[in-house]
């Protein structure tokens, strides 16, 4: 498909495989996303035409070209699409040609490199921007900087954007399951003797700065305790450059609805697709999804679990953010300040912490171990059975060689009273 991409490049990097493994297909097959972008384009372009104005559309990060083709079908007077990733841009070019959309002007550049003027990339500034620059964290793909640049250099004053705005939501939770992906547990033998303690610097560490994206709807409802209702913490109006700040802090007074230890924040966002808010797209888990009640009422198949009634997508999920470690319990009807922060790419959260710096690993453990690996190391049944067996076969004369990739069992074996333990670690 991509003759110039090359599957046998000098560095062994196969762009075909990278595209196949990416979320492009998931986005293209996201029926709800596509329908709501299409509806918003029709409403926005129709609004301009009804006011006697032309609709000149810019599509940033066109990918397959789908949104640009929707814009043409909705009656746009002109459409410029830009795509920086050359293999994807070549794909978009072929898709547009195959579907008879040759009138779309495809610019194979970053939007920040696009020039405006007669004979240049764009003949004129656009008055409609349609783009999908979002990830699970909303701003993790650089949406803020891209919008700010486009509003200053590529768009007319008073332009319309699709989507029009976004809202980020946070819910305070107690979730031991999530914590098991963050902090290694104490390892003990069958008698309860501690074999390996977790260092305090690891327990107190806030962990990796990378977003922890999960399908919250698939978490067992018994695995977490919702301490608060979801609350909106940030709003982004994409057509207002002055409101698109690179760094912000939001403080919300949150009422506790159930007692528990505040361990994490569940986060998701929604999009107001058009100016009037006629079309909304939500990434909320099922218990907070605005369409859940209607989907539940209209469901005719009792075999479908309730949590699977809402639209499924992998390219946008929800995220878990760990709060600074505490043993303090919050009580029902208590009120606490939830502090939310974002920079250009990331979010982080704290309680009663107005000056909390961005999350980063200070102990080194979360750099060496992924969250899924930490979860595996915390598999209690696995550890119990392994340690029980090892206690039976080892004695004081045993010399043990442990070959593994960051296994903590080797360290625990040292407390079983064996003669020597040698750890062979392939990774630095």
Protein backbone atom coordinates (compact mmCIF):
# COMPACT_ATOMS: atom_id res chain seq x y z
CA UNK A 1 0.00 0.00 0.00
CA UNK A 2 2.86 2.37 0.79
CA UNK A 3 5.40 1.85 -1.95
CA UNK A 4 7.74 4.53 -0.62
CA UNK A 5 7.43 3.52 3.03
CA UNK A 6 9.74 0.56 2.77
CA UNK A 7 9.47 -2.51 4.94
CA UNK A 8 13.21 -3.20 4.84
CA UNK A 9 14.69 0.12 5.87
CA UNK A 10 18.26 0.35 7.09
CA UNK A 11 17.20 0.48 10.72
CA UNK A 12 14.70 -2.35 10.39
CA UNK A 13 11.78 0.02 11.05
CA UNK A 14 8.67 -1.07 9.17
CA UNK A 15 6.20 1.78 8.71
CA UNK A 16 3.55 -0.58 7.40
CA UNK A 17 3.64 -2.48 10.68
CA UNK A 18 3.60 0.74 12.68
CA UNK A 19 0.47 1.93 10.90
CA UNK A 20 -1.18 -1.49 11.24
CA UNK A 21 -0.48 -1.51 14.99
CA UNK A 22 -1.59 2.07 15.55
CA UNK A 23 -5.05 3.30 16.47
CA UNK A 24 -5.91 4.48 12.94
CA UNK A 25 -8.18 1.50 12.32
CA UNK A 26 -9.84 1.85 15.71
CA UNK A 27 -10.59 5.50 14.95
CA UNK A 28 -11.89 4.78 11.46
CA UNK A 29 -14.24 2.12 12.84
CA UNK A 30 -15.41 4.25 15.78
CA UNK A 31 -19.00 4.60 14.55
CA UNK A 32 -20.14 7.07 17.22
CA UNK A 33 -17.12 9.33 16.74
CA UNK A 34 -17.59 9.40 12.98
CA UNK A 35 -21.33 10.04 13.17
CA UNK A 36 -20.93 12.90 15.61
CA UNK A 37 -18.14 14.56 13.66
CA UNK A 38 -20.33 14.27 10.57
CA UNK A 39 -23.35 15.76 12.36
CA UNK A 40 -21.26 18.62 13.74
CA UNK A 41 -19.84 19.40 10.29
CA UNK A 42 -23.31 19.52 8.76
CA UNK A 43 -24.61 21.78 11.53
CA UNK A 44 -21.60 24.11 11.46
CA UNK A 45 -21.38 24.47 7.68
CA UNK A 46 -25.16 24.81 7.48
CA UNK A 47 -25.01 27.55 10.11
CA UNK A 48 -22.52 29.56 8.03
CA UNK A 49 -24.46 29.11 4.80
CA UNK A 50 -27.70 30.12 6.53
CA UNK A 51 -25.96 33.35 7.54
CA UNK A 52 -24.90 33.96 3.94
CA UNK A 53 -21.26 33.08 4.58
CA UNK A 54 -18.96 30.63 2.84
CA UNK A 55 -17.44 27.72 4.77
CA UNK A 56 -13.71 27.28 4.30
CA UNK A 57 -12.56 24.24 6.26
CA UNK A 58 -9.12 23.31 7.57
CA UNK A 59 -8.58 19.70 8.71
CA UNK A 60 -5.44 19.33 10.84
CA UNK A 61 -4.05 15.79 11.11
CA UNK A 62 -6.39 14.41 8.48
CA UNK A 63 -5.13 10.82 8.81
CA UNK A 64 -7.18 8.78 6.34
CA UNK A 65 -8.89 11.94 5.05
CA UNK A 66 -12.26 10.95 6.48
CA UNK A 67 -13.14 14.25 8.16
CA UNK A 68 -12.16 16.25 5.08
CA UNK A 69 -14.42 14.11 2.90
CA UNK A 70 -17.24 14.60 5.40
CA UNK A 71 -16.70 18.36 5.14
CA UNK A 72 -17.01 18.28 1.36
CA UNK A 73 -20.15 16.18 1.59
CA UNK A 74 -21.58 18.67 4.09
CA UNK A 75 -21.20 21.44 1.51
CA UNK A 76 -17.92 23.15 2.42
CA UNK A 77 -16.85 25.73 -0.15
CA UNK A 78 -13.20 24.69 0.21
CA UNK A 79 -11.28 22.13 2.25
CA UNK A 80 -7.58 22.04 3.08
CA UNK A 81 -6.28 18.93 4.83
CA UNK A 82 -2.81 18.64 6.34
CA UNK A 83 -1.01 15.51 7.50
CA UNK A 84 2.64 15.41 8.60
CA UNK A 85 3.14 11.63 8.70
CA UNK A 86 4.10 10.97 5.07
CA UNK A 87 2.91 7.35 4.73
CA UNK A 88 -0.47 8.34 6.18
CA UNK A 89 -0.64 11.42 3.97
CA UNK A 90 0.01 9.25 0.92
CA UNK A 91 -2.78 6.95 2.08
CA UNK A 92 -5.16 9.91 2.49
CA UNK A 93 -4.31 11.06 -1.03
CA UNK A 94 -5.28 7.68 -2.46
CA UNK A 95 -8.44 7.47 -0.37
CA UNK A 96 -9.56 10.90 -1.55
CA UNK A 97 -8.85 10.07 -5.19
CA UNK A 98 -10.62 6.71 -4.97
CA UNK A 99 -13.74 8.37 -3.55
CA UNK A 100 -13.82 11.27 -5.99
CA UNK A 101 -12.78 13.98 -3.55
CA UNK A 102 -10.04 15.54 -5.69
CA UNK A 103 -11.20 19.03 -4.72
CA UNK A 104 -9.65 18.59 -1.25
CA UNK A 105 -6.27 20.29 -1.09
CA UNK A 106 -3.90 17.95 0.74
CA UNK A 107 -0.82 19.52 2.35
CA UNK A 108 1.77 16.99 3.49
CA UNK A 109 3.15 19.12 6.31
CA UNK A 110 2.70 19.86 9.98
CA UNK A 111 0.09 22.52 10.54
CA UNK A 112 2.77 24.73 12.08
CA UNK A 113 4.59 24.67 8.72
CA UNK A 114 1.55 25.56 6.60
CA UNK A 115 1.76 28.92 4.81
CA UNK A 116 -1.23 31.10 3.96
CA UNK A 117 -1.53 33.32 0.89
CA UNK A 118 -2.08 33.27 -2.88
CA UNK A 119 -0.19 30.35 -4.43
CA UNK A 120 0.81 28.95 -1.02
CA UNK A 121 -0.48 25.97 0.97
CA UNK A 122 -3.73 27.77 1.85
CA UNK A 123 -5.10 30.45 -0.43
CA UNK A 124 -6.87 32.06 2.49
CA UNK A 125 -7.43 31.55 6.19
CA UNK A 126 -10.14 29.08 7.14
CA UNK A 127 -13.24 29.91 9.14
CA UNK A 128 -13.91 26.30 10.21
CA UNK A 129 -11.39 24.01 11.88
CA UNK A 130 -12.14 20.31 12.17
CA UNK A 131 -9.56 18.14 13.85
CA UNK A 132 -9.09 15.15 16.09
CA UNK A 133 -5.92 15.80 18.05
CA UNK A 134 -6.98 14.07 21.24
CA UNK A 135 -5.79 11.10 23.24
CA UNK A 136 -6.96 9.50 26.47
CA UNK A 137 -5.44 12.42 28.38
CA UNK A 138 -7.12 14.86 25.93
CA UNK A 139 -4.05 17.10 25.57
CA UNK A 140 -1.32 14.44 25.36
CA UNK A 141 -0.84 14.79 21.59
CA UNK A 142 -0.12 18.51 21.79
CA UNK A 143 -3.63 19.83 21.15
CA UNK A 144 -3.08 23.07 23.08
CA UNK A 145 -0.09 24.24 21.05
CA UNK A 146 -1.63 23.12 17.76
CA UNK A 147 -4.88 25.00 18.40
CA UNK A 148 -3.06 28.11 19.61
CA UNK A 149 -0.91 28.22 16.48
CA UNK A 150 -3.83 27.57 14.15
CA UNK A 151 -5.98 30.26 15.78
CA UNK A 152 -3.19 32.81 15.38
CA UNK A 153 -1.92 31.93 11.91
CA UNK A 154 -4.38 29.76 9.96
CA UNK A 155 -7.89 30.75 11.06
CA UNK A 156 -10.06 33.84 10.77
CA UNK A 157 -11.15 35.69 13.91
CA UNK A 158 -14.47 34.32 15.12
CA UNK A 159 -13.88 30.97 13.46
CA UNK A 160 -15.85 27.86 14.40
CA UNK A 161 -14.10 24.72 15.62
CA UNK A 162 -15.22 21.11 15.55
CA UNK A 163 -15.30 20.08 18.32
CA UNK A 164 -16.21 23.37 19.94
CA UNK A 165 -15.06 22.56 23.48
CA UNK A 166 -14.07 19.83 25.92
CA UNK A 167 -14.62 19.17 29.61
CA UNK A 168 -12.38 17.05 31.83
CA UNK A 169 -14.00 15.15 34.72
CA UNK A 170 -12.44 13.67 37.85
CA UNK A 171 -13.84 11.23 40.42
CA UNK A 172 -12.16 10.53 43.75
CA UNK A 173 -11.87 6.80 44.51
CA UNK A 174 -10.44 4.19 46.83
CA UNK A 175 -9.17 1.39 44.61
CA UNK A 176 -6.82 -1.28 46.01
CA UNK A 177 -6.76 -2.97 42.59
CA UNK A 178 -5.34 0.15 40.98
CA UNK A 179 -2.82 0.56 43.80
CA UNK A 180 -1.60 -2.98 43.09
CA UNK A 181 -0.39 -1.64 39.71
CA UNK A 182 1.50 1.15 41.47
CA UNK A 183 3.11 -0.14 44.69
CA UNK A 184 4.72 -3.58 45.29
CA UNK A 185 3.19 -5.40 48.24
CA UNK A 186 5.00 -6.94 51.19
CA UNK A 187 6.02 -10.55 50.51
CA UNK A 188 5.37 -13.01 53.36
CA UNK A 189 5.56 -16.76 53.85
CA UNK A 190 2.70 -19.05 54.90
CA UNK A 191 3.34 -18.27 58.58
CA UNK A 192 3.03 -14.55 57.98
CA UNK A 193 6.74 -13.87 58.39
CA UNK A 194 7.76 -10.88 56.29
CA UNK A 195 10.32 -11.85 53.66
CA UNK A 196 10.49 -8.59 51.72
CA UNK A 197 9.29 -5.14 52.72
CA UNK A 198 8.53 -2.34 50.32
CA UNK A 199 10.95 0.58 50.87
CA UNK A 200 9.27 3.77 52.05
CA UNK A 201 10.68 5.73 49.13
CA UNK A 202 8.82 3.39 46.75
CA UNK A 203 5.57 3.61 48.74
CA UNK A 204 5.78 7.41 48.88
CA UNK A 205 6.79 7.81 45.22
CA UNK A 206 4.07 9.22 42.97
CA UNK A 207 5.05 6.84 40.20
CA UNK A 208 5.40 7.15 36.45
CA UNK A 209 4.42 10.34 34.67
CA UNK A 210 3.00 8.34 31.73
CA UNK A 211 -0.78 8.26 31.52
CA UNK A 212 -2.36 5.10 32.95
CA UNK A 213 -5.11 4.51 30.39
CA UNK A 214 -7.64 1.79 31.16
CA UNK A 215 -11.17 0.71 30.31
CA UNK A 216 -12.77 1.76 33.58
CA UNK A 217 -16.07 0.14 32.62
CA UNK A 218 -14.33 -3.23 32.72
CA UNK A 219 -13.18 -2.85 36.33
CA UNK A 220 -15.27 -5.01 38.68
CA UNK A 221 -17.65 -2.71 40.55
CA UNK A 222 -16.47 -4.31 43.78
CA UNK A 223 -12.86 -3.33 43.06
CA UNK A 224 -13.29 0.35 43.86
CA UNK A 225 -15.17 2.63 46.19
CA UNK A 226 -16.35 5.92 44.68
CA UNK A 227 -15.67 8.54 47.35
CA UNK A 228 -17.21 11.39 45.35
CA UNK A 229 -19.42 12.09 42.38
CA UNK A 230 -17.63 13.00 39.14
CA UNK A 231 -16.85 16.72 38.99
CA UNK A 232 -15.76 18.89 36.03
CA UNK A 233 -12.26 20.20 36.68
CA UNK A 234 -11.14 21.77 33.37
CA UNK A 235 -12.84 23.24 30.34
CA UNK A 236 -11.19 23.86 26.95
CA UNK A 237 -12.87 26.18 24.44
CA UNK A 238 -10.95 25.35 21.30
CA UNK A 239 -11.86 28.53 19.41
CA UNK A 240 -10.63 30.87 22.17
CA UNK A 241 -6.86 31.23 22.06
CA UNK A 242 -6.69 33.33 25.22
CA UNK A 243 -8.43 30.58 27.20
CA UNK A 244 -6.09 27.83 25.99
CA UNK A 245 -3.47 28.16 28.70
CA UNK A 246 -0.41 25.93 28.68
CA UNK A 247 -0.53 25.57 32.47
CA UNK A 248 -3.53 25.74 34.80
CA UNK A 249 -4.59 24.83 38.31
CA UNK A 250 -8.20 24.15 39.27
CA UNK A 251 -9.51 23.69 42.83
CA UNK A 252 -12.90 22.08 43.46
CA UNK A 253 -14.54 21.57 46.84
CA UNK A 254 -15.70 17.96 46.69
CA UNK A 255 -18.24 16.35 49.01
CA UNK A 256 -17.43 12.81 50.15
CA UNK A 257 -20.36 10.43 49.56
CA UNK A 258 -18.73 7.26 50.93
CA UNK A 259 -15.97 6.83 53.48
CA UNK A 260 -12.58 5.49 52.47
CA UNK A 261 -8.92 6.22 51.82
CA UNK A 262 -8.39 8.55 48.82
CA UNK A 263 -5.99 6.60 46.64
CA UNK A 264 -6.64 7.69 43.08
CA UNK A 265 -8.63 9.81 40.66
CA UNK A 266 -10.59 8.38 37.74
CA UNK A 267 -10.49 10.80 34.79
CA UNK A 268 -12.32 11.11 31.47
CA UNK A 269 -13.55 13.86 29.18
CA UNK A 270 -16.35 14.76 26.83
CA UNK A 271 -16.60 16.87 23.69
CA UNK A 272 -19.19 19.46 22.79
CA UNK A 273 -19.03 18.96 19.05
CA UNK A 274 -20.87 22.08 17.84
CA UNK A 275 -21.35 25.63 19.05
CA UNK A 276 -24.86 25.04 20.43
CA UNK A 277 -24.00 21.74 22.12
CA UNK A 278 -26.53 19.81 20.05
CA UNK A 279 -24.01 17.01 19.51
CA UNK A 280 -22.09 15.61 22.48
CA UNK A 281 -19.50 12.82 22.61
CA UNK A 282 -18.62 11.32 25.99
CA UNK A 283 -15.73 9.08 27.02
CA UNK A 284 -17.22 8.46 30.47
CA UNK A 285 -17.35 4.96 31.98
CA UNK A 286 -20.79 3.40 31.97
CA UNK A 287 -21.85 4.58 35.45
CA UNK A 288 -21.29 8.23 34.52
CA UNK A 289 -22.12 8.07 30.80
CA UNK A 290 -24.91 10.49 29.81
CA UNK A 291 -26.42 7.95 27.40
CA UNK A 292 -26.30 4.95 29.72
CA UNK A 293 -29.90 5.16 30.94
CA UNK A 294 -31.36 5.43 27.44
CA UNK A 295 -29.09 2.68 26.12
CA UNK A 296 -30.14 0.45 29.00
CA UNK A 297 -33.83 1.07 28.34
CA UNK A 298 -33.51 0.38 24.61
CA UNK A 299 -31.36 -2.74 25.02
CA UNK A 300 -33.25 -5.83 23.79
CA UNK A 301 -30.50 -8.34 24.51
CA UNK A 302 -30.33 -9.29 28.22
CA UNK A 303 -27.09 -11.21 27.58
CA UNK A 304 -25.15 -8.00 27.01
CA UNK A 305 -23.54 -6.84 30.28
CA UNK A 306 -24.59 -3.34 31.28
CA UNK A 307 -21.04 -2.04 31.16
CA UNK A 308 -20.83 -3.03 27.48
CA UNK A 309 -23.85 -1.00 26.38
CA UNK A 310 -21.90 2.24 25.92
CA UNK A 311 -19.74 2.71 22.79
CA UNK A 312 -16.42 0.87 22.91
CA UNK A 313 -13.19 2.48 21.76
CA UNK A 314 -9.52 1.86 22.45
CA UNK A 315 -8.04 5.06 21.02
CA UNK A 316 -9.79 7.09 23.75
CA UNK A 317 -10.17 5.40 27.10
CA UNK A 318 -10.27 6.65 30.67
CA UNK A 319 -7.29 7.14 32.97
CA UNK A 320 -6.25 6.53 36.56
CA UNK A 321 -4.11 9.09 38.40
CA UNK A 322 -2.59 8.13 41.73
CA UNK A 323 -2.83 10.61 44.58
CA UNK A 324 0.11 11.25 46.92
CA UNK A 325 0.22 8.39 49.42
CA UNK A 326 -1.87 8.73 52.56
CA UNK A 327 -3.42 6.50 55.21
CA UNK A 328 -6.01 9.10 56.19
CA UNK A 329 -9.65 8.12 55.81
CA UNK A 330 -12.28 10.50 54.48
CA UNK A 331 -15.77 10.35 55.98
CA UNK A 332 -19.21 10.79 54.38
CA UNK A 333 -20.35 14.45 54.13
CA UNK A 334 -16.77 15.64 54.64
CA UNK A 335 -15.57 18.21 52.10
CA UNK A 336 -12.08 18.30 50.65
CA UNK A 337 -10.34 20.38 48.02
CA UNK A 338 -9.47 18.44 44.89
CA UNK A 339 -6.56 20.17 43.17
CA UNK A 340 -6.23 19.51 39.44
CA UNK A 341 -3.33 20.59 37.25
CA UNK A 342 -2.30 20.43 33.63
CA UNK A 343 0.66 21.53 31.59
CA UNK A 344 0.94 21.36 27.80
CA UNK A 345 0.66 17.56 27.67
CA UNK A 346 -0.28 16.05 31.04
CA UNK A 347 -2.69 16.09 33.96
CA UNK A 348 -2.09 15.40 37.66
CA UNK A 349 -4.16 15.60 40.83
CA UNK A 350 -3.84 16.06 44.58
CA UNK A 351 -5.90 16.75 47.71
CA UNK A 352 -5.34 19.99 49.59
CA UNK A 353 -2.17 20.44 47.51
CA UNK A 354 -2.32 23.76 45.62
CA UNK A 355 1.41 23.69 44.78
CA UNK A 356 1.76 20.03 43.80
CA UNK A 357 4.46 19.60 41.10
CA UNK A 358 3.99 17.33 38.06
CA UNK A 359 4.14 13.60 38.65
CA UNK A 360 7.49 11.90 38.22
CA UNK A 361 9.21 8.82 39.61
CA UNK A 362 11.66 9.75 42.36
CA UNK A 363 12.57 6.21 43.45
CA UNK A 364 13.58 4.58 40.15
CA UNK A 365 11.30 1.57 40.67
CA UNK A 366 8.52 2.91 38.43
CA UNK A 367 11.04 3.64 35.69
CA UNK A 368 12.29 0.05 35.68
CA UNK A 369 8.87 -1.61 36.07
CA UNK A 370 5.76 -1.05 33.99
CA UNK A 371 2.39 -0.92 35.73
CA UNK A 372 1.36 -4.27 34.30
CA UNK A 373 4.61 -5.79 35.55
CA UNK A 374 4.00 -4.36 39.03
CA UNK A 375 0.53 -5.89 38.94
CA UNK A 376 2.06 -9.25 38.05
CA UNK A 377 4.57 -8.99 40.89
CA UNK A 378 1.64 -8.33 43.24
CA UNK A 379 -0.25 -11.47 42.22
CA UNK A 380 -0.84 -12.83 45.72
CA UNK A 381 -1.84 -16.37 44.71
CA UNK A 382 1.16 -16.71 42.41
CA UNK A 383 3.56 -15.47 45.08
CA UNK A 384 2.02 -17.61 47.83
CA UNK A 385 2.22 -20.85 45.86
CA UNK A 386 5.74 -20.15 44.63
CA UNK A 387 7.09 -19.26 48.07
CA UNK A 388 5.35 -22.23 49.72
CA UNK A 389 7.01 -24.57 47.24
CA UNK A 390 10.42 -22.94 47.59
CA UNK A 391 10.27 -23.23 51.38
CA UNK A 392 9.74 -26.97 51.00
CA UNK A 393 12.73 -27.61 48.72
CA UNK A 394 15.32 -25.18 50.14
CA UNK A 395 17.41 -25.58 53.29
CA UNK A 396 20.40 -23.84 54.88
CA UNK A 397 22.83 -25.47 52.45
CA UNK A 398 20.96 -24.38 49.31
CA UNK A 399 22.69 -22.16 46.80
CA UNK A 400 20.11 -20.52 44.55
CA UNK A 401 20.53 -18.97 41.10
CA UNK A 402 17.60 -16.73 40.14
CA UNK A 403 17.34 -15.89 36.45
CA UNK A 404 14.64 -13.33 35.82
CA UNK A 405 13.68 -9.90 34.66
CA UNK A 406 13.12 -7.86 37.77
CA UNK A 407 11.57 -10.67 39.83
CA UNK A 408 11.25 -9.81 43.52
CA UNK A 409 11.08 -13.48 44.49
CA UNK A 410 14.85 -13.68 44.31
CA UNK A 411 15.13 -11.03 47.02
CA UNK A 412 12.51 -12.80 49.12
CA UNK A 413 14.39 -16.10 48.85
CA UNK A 414 17.28 -14.49 50.69
CA UNK A 415 15.08 -14.40 53.80
CA UNK A 416 14.34 -18.15 53.64
CA UNK A 417 17.64 -19.02 55.31
CA UNK A 418 19.47 -20.41 52.26
CA UNK A 419 23.26 -20.33 51.96
CA UNK A 420 23.63 -18.08 48.93
CA UNK A 421 21.40 -16.37 46.37
CA UNK A 422 22.71 -15.20 43.00
CA UNK A 423 20.51 -12.89 40.93
CA UNK A 424 21.12 -12.77 37.20
CA UNK A 425 19.42 -9.73 35.69
CA UNK A 426 19.67 -9.27 31.91
CA UNK A 427 18.50 -5.65 32.05
CA UNK A 428 20.55 -2.76 33.37
